[in-house]
Amino acid sequence: MKKDIHPKWYPKAKVKCACGNTFETGATVPEIEVDVCSNCHSFFTGNQKLVDTAGRVTRYQQRLAKSKAISKPSAKKPRSKKAK
């Protein structure tokens, strides 16, 4: 095996989450900053939290509401029977 080709291993690398949670893990960098961890992720907490990137969720909800308004059932017209 070649020497000095592998990155340095930090067995107690600190992970910092945006929610304030910190924990240690093994990594190739001494400190890691993350946006979401197991304490604040909706899968683990059971709470739904929408992460709105540049208004995408809002635009989707508006488009969905508009399509529901357009597709409301209208009065059915009676079919005309064709003469045989």
C-alpha atoms as a PDB file:
ATOM      1  CA  MET A   1       0.000   0.000   0.000  1.00  0.00           C
ATOM      2  CA  LYS A   2       1.267   3.476  -0.843  1.00  0.00           C
ATOM      3  CA  LYS A   3       2.126   5.795   2.013  1.00  0.00           C
ATOM      4  CA  ASP A   4       0.726   9.312   2.446  1.00  0.00           C
ATOM      5  CA  ILE A   5      -2.143   8.999  -0.053  1.00  0.00           C
ATOM      6  CA  HIS A   6      -4.956   8.687   2.462  1.00  0.00           C
ATOM      7  CA  PRO A   7      -6.478  11.742   4.212  1.00  0.00           C
ATOM      8  CA  LYS A   8      -5.983  12.208   7.931  1.00  0.00           C
ATOM      9  CA  TRP A   9      -8.709  10.508   9.986  1.00  0.00           C
ATOM     10  CA  TYR A  10     -10.330  12.373  12.878  1.00  0.00           C
ATOM     11  CA  PRO A  11     -12.056   9.823  15.143  1.00  0.00           C
ATOM     12  CA  LYS A  12     -13.743  12.571  17.190  1.00  0.00           C
ATOM     13  CA  ALA A  13     -14.841  15.087  14.553  1.00  0.00           C
ATOM     14  CA  LYS A  14     -17.445  17.567  15.842  1.00  0.00           C
ATOM     15  CA  VAL A  15     -20.698  17.888  13.919  1.00  0.00           C
ATOM     16  CA  LYS A  16     -22.647  21.131  14.473  1.00  0.00           C
ATOM     17  CA  CYS A  17     -26.250  21.465  13.317  1.00  0.00           C
ATOM     18  CA  ALA A  18     -28.117  24.694  12.574  1.00  0.00           C
ATOM     19  CA  CYS A  19     -30.576  23.799  15.360  1.00  0.00           C
ATOM     20  CA  GLY A  20     -27.749  23.897  17.932  1.00  0.00           C
ATOM     21  CA  ASN A  21     -27.268  20.148  18.342  1.00  0.00           C
ATOM     22  CA  THR A  22     -23.661  18.869  18.404  1.00  0.00           C
ATOM     23  CA  PHE A  23     -22.255  15.350  18.380  1.00  0.00           C
ATOM     24  CA  GLU A  24     -19.035  13.516  17.518  1.00  0.00           C
ATOM     25  CA  THR A  25     -18.323  11.093  14.704  1.00  0.00           C
ATOM     26  CA  GLY A  26     -15.392   9.860  12.649  1.00  0.00           C
ATOM     27  CA  ALA A  27     -14.525  11.920   9.564  1.00  0.00           C
ATOM     28  CA  THR A  28     -11.708  13.227   7.400  1.00  0.00           C
ATOM     29  CA  VAL A  29     -12.304  16.829   8.547  1.00  0.00           C
ATOM     30  CA  PRO A  30     -12.162  18.021  12.167  1.00  0.00           C
ATOM     31  CA  GLU A  31     -15.441  20.006  12.101  1.00  0.00           C
ATOM     32  CA  ILE A  32     -18.626  19.565  10.038  1.00  0.00           C
ATOM     33  CA  GLU A  33     -21.526  22.037   9.875  1.00  0.00           C
ATOM     34  CA  VAL A  34     -24.896  20.667   8.723  1.00  0.00           C
ATOM     35  CA  ASP A  35     -28.335  22.229   8.180  1.00  0.00           C
ATOM     36  CA  VAL A  36     -30.417  19.270   9.367  1.00  0.00           C
ATOM     37  CA  CYS A  37     -29.670  16.519  11.899  1.00  0.00           C
ATOM     38  CA  SER A  38     -31.641  13.693  13.517  1.00  0.00           C
ATOM     39  CA  ASN A  39     -32.888  16.058  16.265  1.00  0.00           C
ATOM     40  CA  CYS A  40     -34.544  18.480  13.842  1.00  0.00           C
ATOM     41  CA  HIS A  41     -35.264  16.339  10.743  1.00  0.00           C
ATOM     42  CA  SER A  42     -38.995  15.831  10.160  1.00  0.00           C
ATOM     43  CA  PHE A  43     -38.584  12.067   9.615  1.00  0.00           C
ATOM     44  CA  PHE A  44     -37.259  11.592  13.154  1.00  0.00           C
ATOM     45  CA  THR A  45     -39.356  14.251  14.925  1.00  0.00           C
ATOM     46  CA  GLY A  46     -42.685  13.472  13.259  1.00  0.00           C
ATOM     47  CA  ASN A  47     -43.317  17.159  12.531  1.00  0.00           C
ATOM     48  CA  GLN A  48     -43.632  18.344   8.964  1.00  0.00           C
ATOM     49  CA  LYS A  49     -41.404  21.284   8.157  1.00  0.00           C
ATOM     50  CA  LEU A  50     -41.344  22.767   4.663  1.00  0.00           C
ATOM     51  CA  VAL A  51     -37.988  24.035   3.516  1.00  0.00           C
ATOM     52  CA  ASP A  52     -38.940  26.717   1.009  1.00  0.00           C
ATOM     53  CA  THR A  53     -36.131  27.319  -1.462  1.00  0.00           C
ATOM     54  CA  ALA A  54     -36.727  30.518  -3.409  1.00  0.00           C
ATOM     55  CA  GLY A  55     -40.511  30.254  -2.979  1.00  0.00           C
ATOM     56  CA  ARG A  56     -40.834  26.915  -4.775  1.00  0.00           C
ATOM     57  CA  VAL A  57     -43.218  25.414  -2.247  1.00  0.00           C
ATOM     58  CA  THR A  58     -45.396  28.529  -2.311  1.00  0.00           C
ATOM     59  CA  ARG A  59     -45.475  28.572  -6.118  1.00  0.00           C
ATOM     60  CA  TYR A  60     -46.391  24.872  -6.183  1.00  0.00           C
ATOM     61  CA  GLN A  61     -49.224  25.376  -3.692  1.00  0.00           C
ATOM     62  CA  GLN A  62     -50.572  28.315  -5.716  1.00  0.00           C
ATOM     63  CA  ARG A  63     -50.426  26.302  -8.944  1.00  0.00           C
ATOM     64  CA  LEU A  64     -52.177  23.375  -7.244  1.00  0.00           C
ATOM     65  CA  ALA A  65     -54.950  25.641  -5.906  1.00  0.00           C
ATOM     66  CA  LYS A  66     -55.418  27.180  -9.362  1.00  0.00           C
ATOM     67  CA  SER A  67     -55.699  23.763 -11.029  1.00  0.00           C
ATOM     68  CA  LYS A  68     -58.283  22.636  -8.449  1.00  0.00           C
ATOM     69  CA  ALA A  69     -60.331  25.790  -9.078  1.00  0.00           C
ATOM     70  CA  ILE A  70     -60.279  25.213 -12.837  1.00  0.00           C
ATOM     71  CA  SER A  71     -61.171  21.532 -12.655  1.00  0.00           C
ATOM     72  CA  LYS A  72     -64.353  21.924 -10.565  1.00  0.00           C
ATOM     73  CA  PRO A  73     -67.146  19.776 -11.998  1.00  0.00           C
ATOM     74  CA  SER A  74     -69.515  21.653 -14.266  1.00  0.00           C
ATOM     75  CA  ALA A  75     -73.162  20.852 -14.967  1.00  0.00           C
ATOM     76  CA  LYS A  76     -73.387  17.699 -17.072  1.00  0.00           C
ATOM     77  CA  LYS A  77     -75.040  18.038 -20.422  1.00  0.00           C
ATOM     78  CA  PRO A  78     -77.493  15.286 -21.310  1.00  0.00           C
ATOM     79  CA  ARG A  79     -76.335  13.071 -24.131  1.00  0.00           C
ATOM     80  CA  SER A  80     -78.337  13.159 -27.274  1.00  0.00           C
ATOM     81  CA  LYS A  81     -79.351   9.778 -28.568  1.00  0.00           C
ATOM     82  CA  LYS A  82     -78.445   9.123 -32.151  1.00  0.00           C
ATOM     83  CA  ALA A  83     -81.205   8.035 -34.491  1.00  0.00           C
ATOM     84  CA  LYS A  84     -80.858   4.546 -35.809  1.00  0.00           C
END
